[in-house]
PDB file of all heavy atoms in Angstrom:
ATOM      1  N   ASN A   1      98.077  75.647  12.060  1.00  0.00           N
ATOM      2  CA  ASN A   1      98.916  76.233  13.111  1.00  0.00           C
ATOM      3  C   ASN A   1      98.312  77.488  13.751  1.00  0.00           C
ATOM      4  O   ASN A   1      99.028  78.386  14.179  1.00  0.00           O
ATOM      5  CB  ASN A   1     100.311  76.569  12.563  1.00  0.00           C
ATOM      6  CG  ASN A   1     101.074  75.332  12.156  1.00  0.00           C
ATOM      7  OD1 ASN A   1     101.065  74.315  12.864  1.00  0.00           O
ATOM      8  ND2 ASN A   1     101.759  75.404  11.019  1.00  0.00           N
ATOM      9  N   TYR A   2      96.979  77.514  13.800  1.00  0.00           N
ATOM     10  CA  TYR A   2      96.320  78.611  14.503  1.00  0.00           C
ATOM     11  C   TYR A   2      96.137  78.287  15.992  1.00  0.00           C
ATOM     12  O   TYR A   2      95.795  79.161  16.785  1.00  0.00           O
ATOM     13  CB  TYR A   2      94.961  78.912  13.872  1.00  0.00           C
ATOM     14  CG  TYR A   2      95.061  79.506  12.486  1.00  0.00           C
ATOM     15  CD1 TYR A   2      94.368  78.951  11.421  1.00  0.00           C
ATOM     16  CD2 TYR A   2      95.844  80.637  12.249  1.00  0.00           C
ATOM     17  CE1 TYR A   2      94.461  79.488  10.144  1.00  0.00           C
ATOM     18  CE2 TYR A   2      95.942  81.176  10.978  1.00  0.00           C
ATOM     19  CZ  TYR A   2      95.246  80.598   9.939  1.00  0.00           C
ATOM     20  OH  TYR A   2      95.331  81.127   8.670  1.00  0.00           O
ATOM     21  N   THR A   3      96.339  77.021  16.330  1.00  0.00           N
ATOM     22  CA  THR A   3      96.233  76.593  17.726  1.00  0.00           C
ATOM     23  C   THR A   3      97.123  75.382  17.941  1.00  0.00           C
ATOM     24  O   THR A   3      97.459  74.668  16.983  1.00  0.00           O
ATOM     25  CB  THR A   3      94.777  76.237  18.078  1.00  0.00           C
ATOM     26  OG1 THR A   3      94.715  75.822  19.463  1.00  0.00           O
ATOM     27  CG2 THR A   3      94.269  75.093  17.214  1.00  0.00           C
ATOM     28  N   GLN A   4      97.503  75.162  19.169  1.00  0.00           N
ATOM     29  CA  GLN A   4      98.306  73.992  19.529  1.00  0.00           C
ATOM     30  C   GLN A   4      97.429  72.868  20.067  1.00  0.00           C
ATOM     31  O   GLN A   4      97.928  71.781  20.390  1.00  0.00           O
ATOM     32  CB  GLN A   4      99.339  74.375  20.605  1.00  0.00           C
ATOM     33  CG  GLN A   4     100.356  75.420  20.131  1.00  0.00           C
ATOM     34  CD  GLN A   4     101.161  74.934  18.946  1.00  0.00           C
ATOM     35  OE1 GLN A   4     101.664  73.816  18.957  1.00  0.00           O
ATOM     36  NE2 GLN A   4     101.272  75.775  17.913  1.00  0.00           N
ATOM     37  N   LYS A   5      96.129  73.124  20.151  1.00  0.00           N
ATOM     38  CA  LYS A   5      95.203  72.123  20.674  1.00  0.00           C
ATOM     39  C   LYS A   5      94.493  71.413  19.521  1.00  0.00           C
ATOM     40  O   LYS A   5      93.784  72.044  18.748  1.00  0.00           O
ATOM     41  CB  LYS A   5      94.160  72.787  21.577  1.00  0.00           C
ATOM     42  CG  LYS A   5      94.757  73.496  22.791  1.00  0.00           C
ATOM     43  CD  LYS A   5      93.662  74.188  23.580  1.00  0.00           C
ATOM     44  CE  LYS A   5      94.243  74.934  24.778  1.00  0.00           C
ATOM     45  NZ  LYS A   5      93.173  75.642  25.535  1.00  0.00           N
ATOM     46  N   GLU A   6      94.678  70.124  19.435  1.00  0.00           N
ATOM     47  CA  GLU A   6      94.017  69.348  18.405  1.00  0.00           C
ATOM     48  C   GLU A   6      92.787  68.672  18.986  1.00  0.00           C
ATOM     49  O   GLU A   6      92.815  68.179  20.123  1.00  0.00           O
ATOM     50  CB  GLU A   6      94.963  68.298  17.822  1.00  0.00           C
ATOM     51  CG  GLU A   6      94.413  67.588  16.594  1.00  0.00           C
ATOM     52  CD  GLU A   6      95.440  66.665  15.957  1.00  0.00           C
ATOM     53  OE1 GLU A   6      96.424  66.303  16.620  1.00  0.00           O
ATOM     54  OE2 GLU A   6      95.246  66.314  14.773  1.00  0.00           O
ATOM     55  N   HIS A   7      91.710  68.650  18.207  1.00  0.00           N
ATOM     56  CA  HIS A   7      90.461  68.061  18.692  1.00  0.00           C
ATOM     57  C   HIS A   7      90.690  66.609  19.101  1.00  0.00           C
ATOM     58  O   HIS A   7      91.373  65.846  18.413  1.00  0.00           O
ATOM     59  CB  HIS A   7      89.394  68.138  17.595  1.00  0.00           C
ATOM     60  CG  HIS A   7      88.012  67.948  18.113  1.00  0.00           C
ATOM     61  ND1 HIS A   7      87.482  66.711  18.407  1.00  0.00           N
ATOM     62  CD2 HIS A   7      87.036  68.859  18.397  1.00  0.00           C
ATOM     63  CE1 HIS A   7      86.238  66.857  18.838  1.00  0.00           C
ATOM     64  NE2 HIS A   7      85.938  68.153  18.848  1.00  0.00           N
ATOM     65  N   THR A   8      90.068  66.224  20.222  1.00  0.00           N
ATOM     66  CA  THR A   8      90.281  64.891  20.798  1.00  0.00           C
ATOM     67  C   THR A   8      89.944  63.767  19.815  1.00  0.00           C
ATOM     68  O   THR A   8      90.660  62.763  19.722  1.00  0.00           O
ATOM     69  CB  THR A   8      89.428  64.720  22.072  1.00  0.00           C
ATOM     70  OG1 THR A   8      89.714  65.788  22.982  1.00  0.00           O
ATOM     71  CG2 THR A   8      89.717  63.383  22.734  1.00  0.00           C
ATOM     72  N   GLU A   9      88.845  63.937  19.061  1.00  0.00           N
ATOM     73  CA  GLU A   9      88.394  62.873  18.156  1.00  0.00           C
ATOM     74  C   GLU A   9      89.386  62.575  17.033  1.00  0.00           C
ATOM     75  O   GLU A   9      89.396  61.463  16.483  1.00  0.00           O
ATOM     76  CB  GLU A   9      87.038  63.237  17.558  1.00  0.00           C
ATOM     77  CG  GLU A   9      85.899  63.219  18.564  1.00  0.00           C
ATOM     78  CD  GLU A   9      84.568  63.502  17.899  1.00  0.00           C
ATOM     79  OE1 GLU A   9      84.539  63.633  16.654  1.00  0.00           O
ATOM     80  OE2 GLU A   9      83.555  63.595  18.610  1.00  0.00           O
ATOM     81  N   VAL A  10      90.197  63.552  16.701  1.00  0.00           N
ATOM     82  CA  VAL A  10      91.134  63.344  15.586  1.00  0.00           C
ATOM     83  C   VAL A  10      92.589  63.493  16.026  1.00  0.00           C
ATOM     84  O   VAL A  10      93.489  63.493  15.186  1.00  0.00           O
ATOM     85  CB  VAL A  10      90.835  64.336  14.439  1.00  0.00           C
ATOM     86  CG1 VAL A  10      89.463  64.091  13.853  1.00  0.00           C
ATOM     87  CG2 VAL A  10      90.970  65.779  14.924  1.00  0.00           C
ATOM     88  N   LYS A  11      92.798  63.596  17.311  1.00  0.00           N
ATOM     89  CA  LYS A  11      94.145  63.857  17.819  1.00  0.00           C
ATOM     90  C   LYS A  11      95.122  62.750  17.415  1.00  0.00           C
ATOM     91  O   LYS A  11      94.814  61.565  17.528  1.00  0.00           O
ATOM     92  CB  LYS A  11      94.102  63.995  19.333  1.00  0.00           C
ATOM     93  CG  LYS A  11      95.407  64.513  19.932  1.00  0.00           C
ATOM     94  CD  LYS A  11      95.237  64.814  21.411  1.00  0.00           C
ATOM     95  CE  LYS A  11      96.507  65.436  21.977  1.00  0.00           C
ATOM     96  NZ  LYS A  11      96.364  65.777  23.405  1.00  0.00           N
ATOM     97  N   ASN A  12      96.265  63.174  16.906  1.00  0.00           N
ATOM     98  CA  ASN A  12      97.370  62.268  16.531  1.00  0.00           C
ATOM     99  C   ASN A  12      96.992  61.264  15.440  1.00  0.00           C
ATOM    100  O   ASN A  12      97.594  60.194  15.343  1.00  0.00           O
ATOM    101  CB  ASN A  12      97.889  61.516  17.764  1.00  0.00           C
ATOM    102  CG  ASN A  12      98.527  62.444  18.777  1.00  0.00           C
ATOM    103  OD1 ASN A  12      99.148  63.442  18.429  1.00  0.00           O
ATOM    104  ND2 ASN A  12      98.355  62.118  20.058  1.00  0.00           N
ATOM    105  N   TRP A  13      96.042  61.609  14.602  1.00  0.00           N
ATOM    106  CA  TRP A  13      95.648  60.681  13.540  1.00  0.00           C
ATOM    107  C   TRP A  13      96.803  60.394  12.577  1.00  0.00           C
ATOM    108  O   TRP A  13      96.874  59.319  11.962  1.00  0.00           O
ATOM    109  CB  TRP A  13      94.450  61.221  12.766  1.00  0.00           C
ATOM    110  CG  TRP A  13      94.739  62.467  11.963  1.00  0.00           C
ATOM    111  CD1 TRP A  13      94.550  63.754  12.350  1.00  0.00           C
ATOM    112  CD2 TRP A  13      95.257  62.518  10.627  1.00  0.00           C
ATOM    113  NE1 TRP A  13      94.936  64.618  11.365  1.00  0.00           N
ATOM    114  CE2 TRP A  13      95.373  63.887  10.278  1.00  0.00           C
ATOM    115  CE3 TRP A  13      95.648  61.563   9.704  1.00  0.00           C
ATOM    116  CZ2 TRP A  13      95.863  64.316   9.056  1.00  0.00           C
ATOM    117  CZ3 TRP A  13      96.136  61.984   8.474  1.00  0.00           C
ATOM    118  CH2 TRP A  13      96.244  63.344   8.153  1.00  0.00           C
ATOM    119  N   GLU A  14      97.713  61.351  12.437  1.00  0.00           N
ATOM    120  CA  GLU A  14      98.828  61.170  11.510  1.00  0.00           C
ATOM    121  C   GLU A  14      99.813  60.096  11.968  1.00  0.00           C
ATOM    122  O   GLU A  14     100.659  59.667  11.181  1.00  0.00           O
ATOM    123  CB  GLU A  14      99.581  62.495  11.326  1.00  0.00           C
ATOM    124  CG  GLU A  14      98.789  63.538  10.535  1.00  0.00           C
ATOM    125  CD  GLU A  14      99.595  64.788  10.262  1.00  0.00           C
ATOM    126  OE1 GLU A  14      99.712  65.619  11.171  1.00  0.00           O
ATOM    127  OE2 GLU A  14     100.117  64.911   9.148  1.00  0.00           O
ATOM    128  N   TYR A  15      99.680  59.664  13.213  1.00  0.00           N
ATOM    129  CA  TYR A  15     100.572  58.618  13.734  1.00  0.00           C
ATOM    130  C   TYR A  15      99.869  57.266  13.789  1.00  0.00           C
ATOM    131  O   TYR A  15     100.404  56.307  14.345  1.00  0.00           O
ATOM    132  CB  TYR A  15     101.083  59.015  15.123  1.00  0.00           C
ATOM    133  CG  TYR A  15     101.867  60.313  15.112  1.00  0.00           C
ATOM    134  CD1 TYR A  15     101.236  61.514  15.428  1.00  0.00           C
ATOM    135  CD2 TYR A  15     103.210  60.326  14.763  1.00  0.00           C
ATOM    136  CE1 TYR A  15     101.936  62.717  15.399  1.00  0.00           C
ATOM    137  CE2 TYR A  15     103.926  61.522  14.745  1.00  0.00           C
ATOM    138  CZ  TYR A  15     103.281  62.703  15.054  1.00  0.00           C
ATOM    139  OH  TYR A  15     103.981  63.894  15.027  1.00  0.00           O
ATOM    140  N   ASN A  16      98.694  57.215  13.222  1.00  0.00           N
ATOM    141  CA  ASN A  16      97.914  55.976  13.220  1.00  0.00           C
ATOM    142  C   ASN A  16      97.530  55.634  11.774  1.00  0.00           C
ATOM    143  O   ASN A  16      96.623  56.237  11.203  1.00  0.00           O
ATOM    144  CB  ASN A  16      96.656  56.150  14.081  1.00  0.00           C
ATOM    145  CG  ASN A  16      95.794  54.894  14.103  1.00  0.00           C
ATOM    146  OD1 ASN A  16      96.201  53.834  13.602  1.00  0.00           O
ATOM    147  ND2 ASN A  16      94.612  55.002  14.682  1.00  0.00           N
ATOM    148  N   ILE A  17      98.214  54.667  11.177  1.00  0.00           N
ATOM    149  CA  ILE A  17      97.980  54.354   9.764  1.00  0.00           C
ATOM    150  C   ILE A  17      96.596  53.739   9.523  1.00  0.00           C
ATOM    151  O   ILE A  17      96.139  53.645   8.384  1.00  0.00           O
ATOM    152  CB  ILE A  17      99.064  53.413   9.199  1.00  0.00           C
ATOM    153  CG1 ILE A  17      99.060  52.085   9.947  1.00  0.00           C
ATOM    154  CG2 ILE A  17     100.436  54.078   9.258  1.00  0.00           C
ATOM    155  CD1 ILE A  17      99.970  51.055   9.307  1.00  0.00           C
ATOM    156  N   ASP A  18      95.926  53.317  10.606  1.00  0.00           N
ATOM    157  CA  ASP A  18      94.591  52.731  10.474  1.00  0.00           C
ATOM    158  C   ASP A  18      93.471  53.743  10.711  1.00  0.00           C
ATOM    159  O   ASP A  18      92.288  53.381  10.696  1.00  0.00           O
ATOM    160  CB  ASP A  18      94.433  51.556  11.465  1.00  0.00           C
ATOM    161  CG  ASP A  18      95.351  50.400  11.122  1.00  0.00           C
ATOM    162  OD1 ASP A  18      95.500  50.116   9.924  1.00  0.00           O
ATOM    163  OD2 ASP A  18      95.915  49.784  12.054  1.00  0.00           O
ATOM    164  N   SER A  19      93.833  54.980  10.940  1.00  0.00           N
ATOM    165  CA  SER A  19      92.811  56.004  11.188  1.00  0.00           C
ATOM    166  C   SER A  19      92.070  56.340   9.890  1.00  0.00           C
ATOM    167  O   SER A  19      92.638  56.256   8.802  1.00  0.00           O
ATOM    168  CB  SER A  19      93.449  57.270  11.759  1.00  0.00           C
ATOM    169  OG  SER A  19      94.284  57.871  10.785  1.00  0.00           O
ATOM    170  N   PRO A  20      90.789  56.712  10.002  1.00  0.00           N
ATOM    171  CA  PRO A  20      90.019  57.103   8.810  1.00  0.00           C
ATOM    172  C   PRO A  20      90.657  58.286   8.087  1.00  0.00           C
ATOM    173  O   PRO A  20      90.623  58.359   6.860  1.00  0.00           O
ATOM    174  CB  PRO A  20      88.647  57.474   9.374  1.00  0.00           C
ATOM    175  CG  PRO A  20      88.567  56.806  10.699  1.00  0.00           C
ATOM    176  CD  PRO A  20      89.964  56.756  11.230  1.00  0.00           C
ATOM    177  N   GLN A  21      91.243  59.195   8.846  1.00  0.00           N
ATOM    178  CA  GLN A  21      91.862  60.376   8.257  1.00  0.00           C
ATOM    179  C   GLN A  21      93.074  59.998   7.399  1.00  0.00           C
ATOM    180  O   GLN A  21      93.292  60.587   6.328  1.00  0.00           O
ATOM    181  CB  GLN A  21      92.301  61.362   9.356  1.00  0.00           C
ATOM    182  CG  GLN A  21      91.165  62.039  10.096  1.00  0.00           C
ATOM    183  CD  GLN A  21      90.556  61.141  11.171  1.00  0.00           C
ATOM    184  OE1 GLN A  21      91.114  60.093  11.513  1.00  0.00           O
ATOM    185  NE2 GLN A  21      89.415  61.553  11.708  1.00  0.00           N
ATOM    186  N   MET A  22      93.831  58.984   7.872  1.00  0.00           N
ATOM    187  CA  MET A  22      94.983  58.521   7.096  1.00  0.00           C
ATOM    188  C   MET A  22      94.510  57.957   5.748  1.00  0.00           C
ATOM    189  O   MET A  22      95.097  58.239   4.698  1.00  0.00           O
ATOM    190  CB  MET A  22      95.748  57.461   7.877  1.00  0.00           C
ATOM    191  CG  MET A  22      96.972  56.904   7.161  1.00  0.00           C
ATOM    192  SD  MET A  22      98.333  58.091   7.057  1.00  0.00           S
ATOM    193  CE  MET A  22      98.893  58.097   8.782  1.00  0.00           C
ATOM    194  N   ARG A  23      93.448  57.155   5.809  1.00  0.00           N
ATOM    195  CA  ARG A  23      92.907  56.568   4.577  1.00  0.00           C
ATOM    196  C   ARG A  23      92.411  57.661   3.630  1.00  0.00           C
ATOM    197  O   ARG A  23      92.668  57.617   2.412  1.00  0.00           O
ATOM    198  CB  ARG A  23      91.758  55.613   4.919  1.00  0.00           C
ATOM    199  CG  ARG A  23      91.031  55.040   3.695  1.00  0.00           C
ATOM    200  CD  ARG A  23      89.910  54.099   4.121  1.00  0.00           C
ATOM    201  NE  ARG A  23      88.952  54.733   5.010  1.00  0.00           N
ATOM    202  CZ  ARG A  23      87.981  55.541   4.599  1.00  0.00           C
ATOM    203  NH1 ARG A  23      87.837  55.816   3.308  1.00  0.00           N
ATOM    204  NH2 ARG A  23      87.144  56.073   5.473  1.00  0.00           N
ATOM    205  N   MET A  24      91.737  58.667   4.176  1.00  0.00           N
ATOM    206  CA  MET A  24      91.202  59.733   3.345  1.00  0.00           C
ATOM    207  C   MET A  24      92.311  60.604   2.763  1.00  0.00           C
ATOM    208  O   MET A  24      92.214  61.056   1.607  1.00  0.00           O
ATOM    209  CB  MET A  24      90.218  60.591   4.156  1.00  0.00           C
ATOM    210  CG  MET A  24      88.993  59.820   4.621  1.00  0.00           C
ATOM    211  SD  MET A  24      87.780  60.841   5.464  1.00  0.00           S
ATOM    212  CE  MET A  24      87.010  61.642   4.077  1.00  0.00           C
TER     213      MET A  24
END
């Protein structure tokens, strides 16, 4: 929460169950 801008490459990964970040 230091910024409201999320990097484009990982933006909204928490809403995508197939994202690599979700798996990790």
